[in-house]
């Protein structure tokens, strides 16, 4: 699980950096919240989860870890597409709440997994 999370985190890093480069080149920063969410919720959160799962391997081989991976990586892109559509005036109402809820449930799975498996 650790290598999957770190690998996909790197994809979010490239995506976030590409969006930032595009915004800088065009001087159009309307998608700055999407850029920030991709880098924080995608790159940083998933890279940290990968490191945590590497440090605590008992937490990485659970159904909660798998649920976290899939909910996070299905919910975040839907959430970001919805946010981008909203910011650009092409609102697709269901995308933000559906994506945000899946993303949030994924974070809950991660947290519950850590509370159960990580011991000092």
PDB file of N, CA and C in Angstrom:
ATOM      1  N   UNK A   1       0.825  -1.196   0.000  1.00  0.00           N
ATOM      2  CA  UNK A   1       0.000   0.000   0.000  1.00  0.00           C
ATOM      3  C   UNK A   1       0.869   1.261   0.000  1.00  0.00           C
ATOM      4  N   UNK A   2       1.963   1.222   0.742  1.00  0.00           N
ATOM      5  CA  UNK A   2       2.819   2.415   0.833  1.00  0.00           C
ATOM      6  C   UNK A   2       3.307   2.858  -0.545  1.00  0.00           C
ATOM      7  N   UNK A   3       3.792   1.905  -1.347  1.00  0.00           N
ATOM      8  CA  UNK A   3       4.317   2.302  -2.657  1.00  0.00           C
ATOM      9  C   UNK A   3       3.217   2.807  -3.580  1.00  0.00           C
ATOM     10  N   UNK A   4       2.003   2.229  -3.487  1.00  0.00           N
ATOM     11  CA  UNK A   4       0.888   2.726  -4.315  1.00  0.00           C
ATOM     12  C   UNK A   4       0.543   4.165  -3.970  1.00  0.00           C
ATOM     13  N   UNK A   5       0.478   4.449  -2.672  1.00  0.00           N
ATOM     14  CA  UNK A   5       0.124   5.800  -2.236  1.00  0.00           C
ATOM     15  C   UNK A   5       1.182   6.816  -2.638  1.00  0.00           C
ATOM     16  N   UNK A   6       2.438   6.462  -2.479  1.00  0.00           N
ATOM     17  CA  UNK A   6       3.511   7.391  -2.839  1.00  0.00           C
ATOM     18  C   UNK A   6       3.556   7.590  -4.352  1.00  0.00           C
ATOM     19  N   UNK A   7       3.323   6.526  -5.103  1.00  0.00           N
ATOM     20  CA  UNK A   7       3.317   6.629  -6.563  1.00  0.00           C
ATOM     21  C   UNK A   7       2.202   7.558  -7.038  1.00  0.00           C
ATOM     22  N   UNK A   8       0.989   7.364  -6.513  1.00  0.00           N
ATOM     23  CA  UNK A   8      -0.123   8.213  -6.957  1.00  0.00           C
ATOM     24  C   UNK A   8       0.020   9.636  -6.419  1.00  0.00           C
ATOM     25  N   UNK A   9       0.656   9.786  -5.243  1.00  0.00           N
ATOM     26  CA  UNK A   9       0.934  11.126  -4.719  1.00  0.00           C
ATOM     27  C   UNK A   9       1.811  11.900  -5.703  1.00  0.00           C
ATOM     28  N   UNK A  10       2.778  11.219  -6.306  1.00  0.00           N
ATOM     29  CA  UNK A  10       3.655  11.870  -7.285  1.00  0.00           C
ATOM     30  C   UNK A  10       2.859  12.332  -8.506  1.00  0.00           C
ATOM     31  N   UNK A  11       1.831  11.571  -8.883  1.00  0.00           N
ATOM     32  CA  UNK A  11       0.972  12.017  -9.993  1.00  0.00           C
ATOM     33  C   UNK A  11       0.229  13.298  -9.629  1.00  0.00           C
ATOM     34  N   UNK A  12      -0.280  13.349  -8.392  1.00  0.00           N
ATOM     35  CA  UNK A  12      -0.954  14.572  -7.948  1.00  0.00           C
ATOM     36  C   UNK A  12       0.024  15.749  -7.892  1.00  0.00           C
ATOM     37  N   UNK A  13       1.269  15.485  -7.518  1.00  0.00           N
ATOM     38  CA  UNK A  13       2.278  16.548  -7.498  1.00  0.00           C
ATOM     39  C   UNK A  13       2.472  17.130  -8.899  1.00  0.00           C
ATOM     40  N   UNK A  14       2.609  16.263  -9.891  1.00  0.00           N
ATOM     41  CA  UNK A  14       2.797  16.722 -11.268  1.00  0.00           C
ATOM     42  C   UNK A  14       1.546  17.454 -11.760  1.00  0.00           C
ATOM     43  N   UNK A  15       0.364  16.914 -11.440  1.00  0.00           N
ATOM     44  CA  UNK A  15      -0.881  17.567 -11.848  1.00  0.00           C
ATOM     45  C   UNK A  15      -1.010  18.947 -11.216  1.00  0.00           C
ATOM     46  N   UNK A  16      -0.750  19.037  -9.905  1.00  0.00           N
ATOM     47  CA  UNK A  16      -0.842  20.326  -9.218  1.00  0.00           C
ATOM     48  C   UNK A  16       0.171  21.328  -9.738  1.00  0.00           C
ATOM     49  N   UNK A  17       1.397  20.865  -9.977  1.00  0.00           N
ATOM     50  CA  UNK A  17       2.433  21.754 -10.506  1.00  0.00           C
ATOM     51  C   UNK A  17       2.095  22.216 -11.918  1.00  0.00           C
ATOM     52  N   UNK A  18       1.546  21.315 -12.724  1.00  0.00           N
ATOM     53  CA  UNK A  18       1.155  21.678 -14.091  1.00  0.00           C
ATOM     54  C   UNK A  18       0.053  22.735 -14.068  1.00  0.00           C
ATOM     55  N   UNK A  19      -0.931  22.541 -13.189  1.00  0.00           N
ATOM     56  CA  UNK A  19      -1.996  23.541 -13.073  1.00  0.00           C
ATOM     57  C   UNK A  19      -1.420  24.879 -12.602  1.00  0.00           C
ATOM     58  N   UNK A  20      -0.499  24.843 -11.653  1.00  0.00           N
ATOM     59  CA  UNK A  20       0.137  26.078 -11.184  1.00  0.00           C
ATOM     60  C   UNK A  20       0.922  26.776 -12.278  1.00  0.00           C
ATOM     61  N   UNK A  21       1.637  25.999 -13.067  1.00  0.00           N
ATOM     62  CA  UNK A  21       2.394  26.561 -14.188  1.00  0.00           C
ATOM     63  C   UNK A  21       1.455  27.199 -15.208  1.00  0.00           C
ATOM     64  N   UNK A  22       0.367  26.505 -15.508  1.00  0.00           N
ATOM     65  CA  UNK A  22      -0.627  27.037 -16.442  1.00  0.00           C
ATOM     66  C   UNK A  22      -1.214  28.353 -15.920  1.00  0.00           C
ATOM     67  N   UNK A  23      -1.584  28.375 -14.640  1.00  0.00           N
ATOM     68  CA  UNK A  23      -2.166  29.597 -14.080  1.00  0.00           C
ATOM     69  C   UNK A  23      -1.166  30.745 -14.131  1.00  0.00           C
ATOM     70  N   UNK A  24       0.082  30.452 -13.811  1.00  0.00           N
ATOM     71  CA  UNK A  24       1.101  31.497 -13.864  1.00  0.00           C
ATOM     72  C   UNK A  24       1.332  32.012 -15.279  1.00  0.00           C
ATOM     73  N   UNK A  25       1.365  31.101 -16.235  1.00  0.00           N
ATOM     74  CA  UNK A  25       1.609  31.491 -17.626  1.00  0.00           C
ATOM     75  C   UNK A  25       0.472  32.326 -18.189  1.00  0.00           C
ATOM     76  N   UNK A  26      -0.767  32.007 -17.790  1.00  0.00           N
ATOM     77  CA  UNK A  26      -1.922  32.733 -18.320  1.00  0.00           C
ATOM     78  C   UNK A  26      -2.338  33.905 -17.446  1.00  0.00           C
ATOM     79  N   UNK A  27      -1.733  34.004 -16.261  1.00  0.00           N
ATOM     80  CA  UNK A  27      -2.104  35.035 -15.280  1.00  0.00           C
ATOM     81  C   UNK A  27      -3.586  34.950 -14.915  1.00  0.00           C
ATOM     82  N   UNK A  28      -4.127  33.759 -14.942  1.00  0.00           N
ATOM     83  CA  UNK A  28      -5.521  33.507 -14.574  1.00  0.00           C
ATOM     84  C   UNK A  28      -5.506  32.536 -13.398  1.00  0.00           C
ATOM     85  N   UNK A  29      -5.831  33.046 -12.219  1.00  0.00           N
ATOM     86  CA  UNK A  29      -5.710  32.265 -10.997  1.00  0.00           C
ATOM     87  C   UNK A  29      -7.059  31.839 -10.427  1.00  0.00           C
ATOM     88  N   UNK A  30      -8.061  31.762 -11.271  1.00  0.00           N
ATOM     89  CA  UNK A  30      -9.400  31.370 -10.828  1.00  0.00           C
ATOM     90  C   UNK A  30      -9.405  29.958 -10.237  1.00  0.00           C
ATOM     91  N   UNK A  31      -8.501  29.094 -10.702  1.00  0.00           N
ATOM     92  CA  UNK A  31      -8.456  27.711 -10.225  1.00  0.00           C
ATOM     93  C   UNK A  31      -7.463  27.507  -9.077  1.00  0.00           C
ATOM     94  N   UNK A  32      -7.040  28.582  -8.427  1.00  0.00           N
ATOM     95  CA  UNK A  32      -6.096  28.467  -7.312  1.00  0.00           C
ATOM     96  C   UNK A  32      -6.599  27.535  -6.202  1.00  0.00           C
ATOM     97  N   UNK A  33      -7.898  27.547  -5.853  1.00  0.00           N
ATOM     98  CA  UNK A  33      -8.355  26.588  -4.839  1.00  0.00           C
ATOM     99  C   UNK A  33      -8.218  25.129  -5.288  1.00  0.00           C
ATOM    100  N   UNK A  34      -8.414  24.869  -6.572  1.00  0.00           N
ATOM    101  CA  UNK A  34      -8.246  23.510  -7.098  1.00  0.00           C
ATOM    102  C   UNK A  34      -6.772  23.124  -7.012  1.00  0.00           C
ATOM    103  N   UNK A  35      -5.900  24.027  -7.417  1.00  0.00           N
ATOM    104  CA  UNK A  35      -4.453  23.823  -7.348  1.00  0.00           C
ATOM    105  C   UNK A  35      -4.028  23.483  -5.915  1.00  0.00           C
ATOM    106  N   UNK A  36      -4.509  24.260  -4.952  1.00  0.00           N
ATOM    107  CA  UNK A  36      -4.150  24.043  -3.547  1.00  0.00           C
ATOM    108  C   UNK A  36      -4.670  22.699  -3.038  1.00  0.00           C
ATOM    109  N   UNK A  37      -5.910  22.366  -3.377  1.00  0.00           N
ATOM    110  CA  UNK A  37      -6.479  21.095  -2.929  1.00  0.00           C
ATOM    111  C   UNK A  37      -5.749  19.898  -3.550  1.00  0.00           C
ATOM    112  N   UNK A  38      -5.396  19.995  -4.816  1.00  0.00           N
ATOM    113  CA  UNK A  38      -4.679  18.894  -5.474  1.00  0.00           C
ATOM    114  C   UNK A  38      -3.338  18.664  -4.783  1.00  0.00           C
ATOM    115  N   UNK A  39      -2.645  19.757  -4.453  1.00  0.00           N
ATOM    116  CA  UNK A  39      -1.339  19.605  -3.818  1.00  0.00           C
ATOM    117  C   UNK A  39      -1.447  19.157  -2.362  1.00  0.00           C
ATOM    118  N   UNK A  40      -2.428  19.667  -1.636  1.00  0.00           N
ATOM    119  CA  UNK A  40      -2.541  19.291  -0.220  1.00  0.00           C
ATOM    120  C   UNK A  40      -3.259  17.960  -0.025  1.00  0.00           C
ATOM    121  N   UNK A  41      -4.429  17.809  -0.630  1.00  0.00           N
ATOM    122  CA  UNK A  41      -5.214  16.586  -0.441  1.00  0.00           C
ATOM    123  C   UNK A  41      -4.699  15.446  -1.306  1.00  0.00           C
ATOM    124  N   UNK A  42      -4.053  15.771  -2.412  1.00  0.00           N
ATOM    125  CA  UNK A  42      -3.506  14.749  -3.291  1.00  0.00           C
ATOM    126  C   UNK A  42      -2.063  14.432  -2.944  1.00  0.00           C
ATOM    127  N   UNK A  43      -1.162  15.333  -3.262  1.00  0.00           N
ATOM    128  CA  UNK A  43       0.266  15.109  -3.054  1.00  0.00           C
ATOM    129  C   UNK A  43       0.618  14.910  -1.584  1.00  0.00           C
ATOM    130  N   UNK A  44       0.355  15.892  -0.754  1.00  0.00           N
ATOM    131  CA  UNK A  44       0.827  15.842   0.631  1.00  0.00           C
ATOM    132  C   UNK A  44       0.139  14.747   1.448  1.00  0.00           C
ATOM    133  N   UNK A  45      -1.182  14.702   1.393  1.00  0.00           N
ATOM    134  CA  UNK A  45      -1.908  13.704   2.195  1.00  0.00           C
ATOM    135  C   UNK A  45      -1.553  12.278   1.798  1.00  0.00           C
ATOM    136  N   UNK A  46      -1.509  12.006   0.508  1.00  0.00           N
ATOM    137  CA  UNK A  46      -1.224  10.645   0.071  1.00  0.00           C
ATOM    138  C   UNK A  46       0.239  10.269   0.295  1.00  0.00           C
ATOM    139  N   UNK A  47       1.157  11.211   0.109  1.00  0.00           N
ATOM    140  CA  UNK A  47       2.565  10.922   0.393  1.00  0.00           C
ATOM    141  C   UNK A  47       2.752  10.633   1.881  1.00  0.00           C
ATOM    142  N   UNK A  48       2.108  11.419   2.726  1.00  0.00           N
ATOM    143  CA  UNK A  48       2.208  11.173   4.177  1.00  0.00           C
ATOM    144  C   UNK A  48       1.584   9.838   4.550  1.00  0.00           C
ATOM    145  N   UNK A  49       0.453   9.502   3.951  1.00  0.00           N
ATOM    146  CA  UNK A  49      -0.176   8.206   4.226  1.00  0.00           C
ATOM    147  C   UNK A  49       0.763   7.079   3.798  1.00  0.00           C
ATOM    148  N   UNK A  50       1.418   7.223   2.666  1.00  0.00           N
ATOM    149  CA  UNK A  50       2.374   6.219   2.224  1.00  0.00           C
ATOM    150  C   UNK A  50       3.523   6.044   3.204  1.00  0.00           C
ATOM    151  N   UNK A  51       4.036   7.152   3.707  1.00  0.00           N
ATOM    152  CA  UNK A  51       5.121   7.086   4.699  1.00  0.00           C
ATOM    153  C   UNK A  51       4.620   6.429   5.987  1.00  0.00           C
ATOM    154  N   UNK A  52       3.433   6.801   6.421  1.00  0.00           N
ATOM    155  CA  UNK A  52       2.868   6.207   7.639  1.00  0.00           C
ATOM    156  C   UNK A  52       2.664   4.706   7.460  1.00  0.00           C
ATOM    157  N   UNK A  53       2.128   4.293   6.335  1.00  0.00           N
ATOM    158  CA  UNK A  53       1.947   2.862   6.090  1.00  0.00           C
ATOM    159  C   UNK A  53       3.286   2.132   5.986  1.00  0.00           C
ATOM    160  N   UNK A  54       4.287   2.801   5.505  1.00  0.00           N
ATOM    161  CA  UNK A  54       5.627   2.185   5.458  1.00  0.00           C
ATOM    162  C   UNK A  54       6.174   2.008   6.872  1.00  0.00           C
ATOM    163  N   UNK A  55       5.944   2.994   7.739  1.00  0.00           N
ATOM    164  CA  UNK A  55       6.419   2.916   9.119  1.00  0.00           C
ATOM    165  C   UNK A  55       5.611   1.944   9.969  1.00  0.00           C
ATOM    166  N   UNK A  56       4.334   1.773   9.626  1.00  0.00           N
ATOM    167  CA  UNK A  56       3.434   0.899  10.378  1.00  0.00           C
ATOM    168  C   UNK A  56       2.794  -0.108   9.420  1.00  0.00           C
ATOM    169  N   UNK A  57       3.540  -1.125   9.006  1.00  0.00           N
ATOM    170  CA  UNK A  57       3.036  -2.051   7.998  1.00  0.00           C
ATOM    171  C   UNK A  57       1.777  -2.807   8.423  1.00  0.00           C
ATOM    172  N   UNK A  58       1.524  -2.947   9.715  1.00  0.00           N
ATOM    173  CA  UNK A  58       0.301  -3.630  10.152  1.00  0.00           C
ATOM    174  C   UNK A  58      -0.942  -2.864   9.709  1.00  0.00           C
ATOM    175  N   UNK A  59      -0.816  -1.570   9.533  1.00  0.00           N
ATOM    176  CA  UNK A  59      -1.948  -0.748   9.104  1.00  0.00           C
ATOM    177  C   UNK A  59      -2.137  -0.763   7.588  1.00  0.00           C
ATOM    178  N   UNK A  60      -1.116  -1.181   6.861  1.00  0.00           N
ATOM    179  CA  UNK A  60      -1.192  -1.066   5.399  1.00  0.00           C
ATOM    180  C   UNK A  60      -1.911  -2.224   4.722  1.00  0.00           C
ATOM    181  N   UNK A  61      -2.044  -3.329   5.393  1.00  0.00           N
ATOM    182  CA  UNK A  61      -2.655  -4.504   4.767  1.00  0.00           C
ATOM    183  C   UNK A  61      -4.021  -4.794   5.395  1.00  0.00           C
ATOM    184  N   UNK A  62      -4.889  -3.795   5.346  1.00  0.00           N
ATOM    185  CA  UNK A  62      -6.226  -3.931   5.932  1.00  0.00           C
ATOM    186  C   UNK A  62      -7.274  -3.486   4.922  1.00  0.00           C
ATOM    187  N   UNK A  63      -8.503  -3.890   5.182  1.00  0.00           N
ATOM    188  CA  UNK A  63      -9.595  -3.421   4.310  1.00  0.00           C
ATOM    189  C   UNK A  63      -9.790  -1.918   4.436  1.00  0.00           C
ATOM    190  N   UNK A  64      -9.530  -1.380   5.631  1.00  0.00           N
ATOM    191  CA  UNK A  64      -9.637   0.072   5.802  1.00  0.00           C
ATOM    192  C   UNK A  64      -8.599   0.803   4.952  1.00  0.00           C
ATOM    193  N   UNK A  65      -7.396   0.254   4.840  1.00  0.00           N
ATOM    194  CA  UNK A  65      -6.363   0.879   4.007  1.00  0.00           C
ATOM    195  C   UNK A  65      -6.788   0.873   2.538  1.00  0.00           C
ATOM    196  N   UNK A  66      -7.339  -0.247   2.095  1.00  0.00           N
ATOM    197  CA  UNK A  66      -7.813  -0.334   0.706  1.00  0.00           C
ATOM    198  C   UNK A  66      -8.982   0.621   0.467  1.00  0.00           C
ATOM    199  N   UNK A  67      -9.900   0.678   1.440  1.00  0.00           N
ATOM    200  CA  UNK A  67     -11.040   1.600   1.313  1.00  0.00           C
ATOM    201  C   UNK A  67     -10.552   3.039   1.257  1.00  0.00           C
ATOM    202  N   UNK A  68      -9.581   3.372   2.112  1.00  0.00           N
ATOM    203  CA  UNK A  68      -9.024   4.726   2.094  1.00  0.00           C
ATOM    204  C   UNK A  68      -8.439   5.048   0.718  1.00  0.00           C
ATOM    205  N   UNK A  69      -7.630   4.138   0.198  1.00  0.00           N
ATOM    206  CA  UNK A  69      -6.987   4.366  -1.102  1.00  0.00           C
ATOM    207  C   UNK A  69      -8.020   4.655  -2.184  1.00  0.00           C
ATOM    208  N   UNK A  70      -9.030   3.795  -2.303  1.00  0.00           N
ATOM    209  CA  UNK A  70      -9.997   3.934  -3.381  1.00  0.00           C
ATOM    210  C   UNK A  70     -10.924   5.121  -3.187  1.00  0.00           C
ATOM    211  N   UNK A  71     -11.420   5.325  -1.974  1.00  0.00           N
ATOM    212  CA  UNK A  71     -12.317   6.463  -1.740  1.00  0.00           C
ATOM    213  C   UNK A  71     -11.592   7.789  -1.945  1.00  0.00           C
ATOM    214  N   UNK A  72     -10.353   7.872  -1.474  1.00  0.00           N
ATOM    215  CA  UNK A  72      -9.562   9.095  -1.631  1.00  0.00           C
ATOM    216  C   UNK A  72      -9.319   9.377  -3.113  1.00  0.00           C
ATOM    217  N   UNK A  73      -8.930   8.332  -3.852  1.00  0.00           N
ATOM    218  CA  UNK A  73      -8.532   8.539  -5.248  1.00  0.00           C
ATOM    219  C   UNK A  73      -9.678   8.538  -6.243  1.00  0.00           C
ATOM    220  N   UNK A  74     -10.856   8.159  -5.813  1.00  0.00           N
ATOM    221  CA  UNK A  74     -12.046   8.356  -6.643  1.00  0.00           C
ATOM    222  C   UNK A  74     -12.748   9.652  -6.258  1.00  0.00           C
ATOM    223  N   UNK A  75     -12.783   9.943  -4.965  1.00  0.00           N
ATOM    224  CA  UNK A  75     -13.477  11.138  -4.491  1.00  0.00           C
ATOM    225  C   UNK A  75     -12.768  12.432  -4.826  1.00  0.00           C
ATOM    226  N   UNK A  76     -11.450  12.475  -4.655  1.00  0.00           N
ATOM    227  CA  UNK A  76     -10.721  13.729  -4.875  1.00  0.00           C
ATOM    228  C   UNK A  76     -10.838  14.245  -6.315  1.00  0.00           C
ATOM    229  N   UNK A  77     -10.644  13.428  -7.341  1.00  0.00           N
ATOM    230  CA  UNK A  77     -10.808  13.966  -8.700  1.00  0.00           C
ATOM    231  C   UNK A  77     -12.230  14.457  -8.984  1.00  0.00           C
ATOM    232  N   UNK A  78     -13.238  13.740  -8.487  1.00  0.00           N
ATOM    233  CA  UNK A  78     -14.623  14.189  -8.676  1.00  0.00           C
ATOM    234  C   UNK A  78     -14.834  15.517  -7.963  1.00  0.00           C
ATOM    235  N   UNK A  79     -14.345  15.603  -6.731  1.00  0.00           N
ATOM    236  CA  UNK A  79     -14.427  16.831  -5.947  1.00  0.00           C
ATOM    237  C   UNK A  79     -13.751  17.987  -6.688  1.00  0.00           C
ATOM    238  N   UNK A  80     -12.549  17.759  -7.230  1.00  0.00           N
ATOM    239  CA  UNK A  80     -11.809  18.824  -7.908  1.00  0.00           C
ATOM    240  C   UNK A  80     -12.457  19.225  -9.229  1.00  0.00           C
ATOM    241  N   UNK A  81     -13.011  18.258  -9.964  1.00  0.00           N
ATOM    242  CA  UNK A  81     -13.744  18.610 -11.179  1.00  0.00           C
ATOM    243  C   UNK A  81     -14.966  19.458 -10.845  1.00  0.00           C
ATOM    244  N   UNK A  82     -15.656  19.087  -9.780  1.00  0.00           N
ATOM    245  CA  UNK A  82     -16.813  19.871  -9.347  1.00  0.00           C
ATOM    246  C   UNK A  82     -16.429  21.271  -8.915  1.00  0.00           C
ATOM    247  N   UNK A  83     -15.338  21.379  -8.150  1.00  0.00           N
ATOM    248  CA  UNK A  83     -14.878  22.698  -7.710  1.00  0.00           C
ATOM    249  C   UNK A  83     -14.447  23.546  -8.907  1.00  0.00           C
ATOM    250  N   UNK A  84     -13.726  22.934  -9.839  1.00  0.00           N
ATOM    251  CA  UNK A  84     -13.305  23.665 -11.045  1.00  0.00           C
ATOM    252  C   UNK A  84     -14.507  24.119 -11.854  1.00  0.00           C
ATOM    253  N   UNK A  85     -15.505  23.246 -11.994  1.00  0.00           N
ATOM    254  CA  UNK A  85     -16.699  23.630 -12.754  1.00  0.00           C
ATOM    255  C   UNK A  85     -17.434  24.764 -12.058  1.00  0.00           C
ATOM    256  N   UNK A  86     -17.481  24.736 -10.741  1.00  0.00           N
ATOM    257  CA  UNK A  86     -18.152  25.788  -9.990  1.00  0.00           C
ATOM    258  C   UNK A  86     -17.409  27.123 -10.139  1.00  0.00           C
ATOM    259  N   UNK A  87     -16.085  27.084 -10.020  1.00  0.00           N
ATOM    260  CA  UNK A  87     -15.286  28.313 -10.097  1.00  0.00           C
ATOM    261  C   UNK A  87     -15.303  28.943 -11.482  1.00  0.00           C
ATOM    262  N   UNK A  88     -15.481  28.137 -12.510  1.00  0.00           N
ATOM    263  CA  UNK A  88     -15.483  28.663 -13.877  1.00  0.00           C
ATOM    264  C   UNK A  88     -16.883  28.952 -14.408  1.00  0.00           C
ATOM    265  N   UNK A  89     -17.892  28.812 -13.549  1.00  0.00           N
ATOM    266  CA  UNK A  89     -19.256  29.147 -13.940  1.00  0.00           C
ATOM    267  C   UNK A  89     -19.991  28.052 -14.685  1.00  0.00           C
ATOM    268  N   UNK A  90     -19.461  26.851 -14.700  1.00  0.00           N
ATOM    269  CA  UNK A  90     -20.107  25.721 -15.366  1.00  0.00           C
ATOM    270  C   UNK A  90     -20.528  24.690 -14.322  1.00  0.00           C
ATOM    271  N   UNK A  91     -21.187  25.142 -13.306  1.00  0.00           N
ATOM    272  CA  UNK A  91     -21.476  24.325 -12.129  1.00  0.00           C
ATOM    273  C   UNK A  91     -22.224  23.035 -12.475  1.00  0.00           C
ATOM    274  N   UNK A  92     -21.678  21.925 -12.006  1.00  0.00           N
ATOM    275  CA  UNK A  92     -22.343  20.624 -12.060  1.00  0.00           C
ATOM    276  C   UNK A  92     -22.627  20.280 -10.598  1.00  0.00           C
ATOM    277  N   UNK A  93     -23.844  20.551 -10.130  1.00  0.00           N
ATOM    278  CA  UNK A  93     -24.131  20.559  -8.694  1.00  0.00           C
ATOM    279  C   UNK A  93     -23.749  19.298  -7.912  1.00  0.00           C
ATOM    280  N   UNK A  94     -23.875  18.115  -8.473  1.00  0.00           N
ATOM    281  CA  UNK A  94     -23.647  16.885  -7.703  1.00  0.00           C
ATOM    282  C   UNK A  94     -22.169  16.574  -7.489  1.00  0.00           C
ATOM    283  N   UNK A  95     -21.271  17.114  -8.310  1.00  0.00           N
ATOM    284  CA  UNK A  95     -19.873  16.704  -8.240  1.00  0.00           C
ATOM    285  C   UNK A  95     -19.202  17.047  -6.914  1.00  0.00           C
ATOM    286  N   UNK A  96     -19.377  18.265  -6.434  1.00  0.00           N
ATOM    287  CA  UNK A  96     -18.695  18.666  -5.197  1.00  0.00           C
ATOM    288  C   UNK A  96     -19.160  17.824  -4.014  1.00  0.00           C
ATOM    289  N   UNK A  97     -20.458  17.724  -3.739  1.00  0.00           N
ATOM    290  CA  UNK A  97     -20.836  16.939  -2.556  1.00  0.00           C
ATOM    291  C   UNK A  97     -20.517  15.447  -2.671  1.00  0.00           C
ATOM    292  N   UNK A  98     -20.683  14.863  -3.839  1.00  0.00           N
ATOM    293  CA  UNK A  98     -20.389  13.431  -4.009  1.00  0.00           C
ATOM    294  C   UNK A  98     -18.887  13.181  -3.838  1.00  0.00           C
ATOM    295  N   UNK A  99     -18.082  13.973  -4.513  1.00  0.00           N
ATOM    296  CA  UNK A  99     -16.629  13.812  -4.403  1.00  0.00           C
ATOM    297  C   UNK A  99     -16.117  14.113  -3.012  1.00  0.00           C
ATOM    298  N   UNK A 100     -16.616  15.185  -2.409  1.00  0.00           N
ATOM    299  CA  UNK A 100     -16.169  15.554  -1.064  1.00  0.00           C
ATOM    300  C   UNK A 100     -16.555  14.489  -0.047  1.00  0.00           C
ATOM    301  N   UNK A 101     -17.742  13.925  -0.179  1.00  0.00           N
ATOM    302  CA  UNK A 101     -18.176  12.889   0.758  1.00  0.00           C
ATOM    303  C   UNK A 101     -17.311  11.635   0.624  1.00  0.00           C
ATOM    304  N   UNK A 102     -17.046  11.198  -0.596  1.00  0.00           N
ATOM    305  CA  UNK A 102     -16.189  10.028  -0.799  1.00  0.00           C
ATOM    306  C   UNK A 102     -14.794  10.285  -0.235  1.00  0.00           C
ATOM    307  N   UNK A 103     -14.257  11.456  -0.511  1.00  0.00           N
ATOM    308  CA  UNK A 103     -12.940  11.844   0.004  1.00  0.00           C
ATOM    309  C   UNK A 103     -12.937  11.830   1.530  1.00  0.00           C
ATOM    310  N   UNK A 104     -13.967  12.411   2.140  1.00  0.00           N
ATOM    311  CA  UNK A 104     -14.063  12.473   3.599  1.00  0.00           C
ATOM    312  C   UNK A 104     -14.171  11.079   4.208  1.00  0.00           C
ATOM    313  N   UNK A 105     -14.994  10.223   3.629  1.00  0.00           N
ATOM    314  CA  UNK A 105     -15.131   8.852   4.140  1.00  0.00           C
ATOM    315  C   UNK A 105     -13.788   8.116   4.016  1.00  0.00           C
ATOM    316  N   UNK A 106     -13.058   8.377   2.942  1.00  0.00           N
ATOM    317  CA  UNK A 106     -11.723   7.802   2.800  1.00  0.00           C
ATOM    318  C   UNK A 106     -10.803   8.247   3.930  1.00  0.00           C
ATOM    319  N   UNK A 107     -10.862   9.527   4.273  1.00  0.00           N
ATOM    320  CA  UNK A 107     -10.050  10.030   5.388  1.00  0.00           C
ATOM    321  C   UNK A 107     -10.482   9.408   6.712  1.00  0.00           C
ATOM    322  N   UNK A 108     -11.781   9.189   6.875  1.00  0.00           N
ATOM    323  CA  UNK A 108     -12.255   8.501   8.081  1.00  0.00           C
ATOM    324  C   UNK A 108     -11.705   7.077   8.146  1.00  0.00           C
ATOM    325  N   UNK A 109     -11.721   6.374   7.035  1.00  0.00           N
ATOM    326  CA  UNK A 109     -11.164   5.020   6.995  1.00  0.00           C
ATOM    327  C   UNK A 109      -9.692   5.035   7.397  1.00  0.00           C
ATOM    328  N   UNK A 110      -8.945   5.987   6.865  1.00  0.00           N
ATOM    329  CA  UNK A 110      -7.525   6.122   7.210  1.00  0.00           C
ATOM    330  C   UNK A 110      -7.358   6.367   8.706  1.00  0.00           C
ATOM    331  N   UNK A 111      -8.129   7.287   9.248  1.00  0.00           N
ATOM    332  CA  UNK A 111      -8.019   7.628  10.662  1.00  0.00           C
ATOM    333  C   UNK A 111      -8.386   6.452  11.561  1.00  0.00           C
ATOM    334  N   UNK A 112      -9.478   5.789  11.262  1.00  0.00           N
ATOM    335  CA  UNK A 112      -9.891   4.625  12.049  1.00  0.00           C
ATOM    336  C   UNK A 112      -8.825   3.541  11.974  1.00  0.00           C
ATOM    337  N   UNK A 113      -8.291   3.323  10.798  1.00  0.00           N
ATOM    338  CA  UNK A 113      -7.230   2.342  10.626  1.00  0.00           C
ATOM    339  C   UNK A 113      -6.034   2.666  11.517  1.00  0.00           C
ATOM    340  N   UNK A 114      -5.630   3.920  11.528  1.00  0.00           N
ATOM    341  CA  UNK A 114      -4.494   4.309  12.368  1.00  0.00           C
ATOM    342  C   UNK A 114      -4.819   4.147  13.843  1.00  0.00           C
ATOM    343  N   UNK A 115      -6.009   4.563  14.247  1.00  0.00           N
ATOM    344  CA  UNK A 115      -6.375   4.437  15.670  1.00  0.00           C
ATOM    345  C   UNK A 115      -6.363   2.979  16.109  1.00  0.00           C
ATOM    346  N   UNK A 116      -6.697   2.072  15.214  1.00  0.00           N
ATOM    347  CA  UNK A 116      -6.728   0.642  15.548  1.00  0.00           C
ATOM    348  C   UNK A 116      -5.360  -0.031  15.479  1.00  0.00           C
ATOM    349  N   UNK A 117      -4.538   0.375  14.547  1.00  0.00           N
ATOM    350  CA  UNK A 117      -3.303  -0.375  14.253  1.00  0.00           C
ATOM    351  C   UNK A 117      -1.998   0.241  14.741  1.00  0.00           C
ATOM    352  N   UNK A 118      -1.969   1.561  14.920  1.00  0.00           N
ATOM    353  CA  UNK A 118      -0.722   2.211  15.278  1.00  0.00           C
ATOM    354  C   UNK A 118      -0.658   2.354  16.796  1.00  0.00           C
ATOM    355  N   UNK A 119       0.365   1.718  17.350  1.00  0.00           N
ATOM    356  CA  UNK A 119       0.569   1.755  18.797  1.00  0.00           C
ATOM    357  C   UNK A 119       1.959   2.297  19.087  1.00  0.00           C
ATOM    358  N   UNK A 120       2.080   3.047  20.166  1.00  0.00           N
ATOM    359  CA  UNK A 120       3.358   3.632  20.571  1.00  0.00           C
ATOM    360  C   UNK A 120       4.212   2.653  21.227  1.00  0.00           C
TER     361      UNK A 120
END
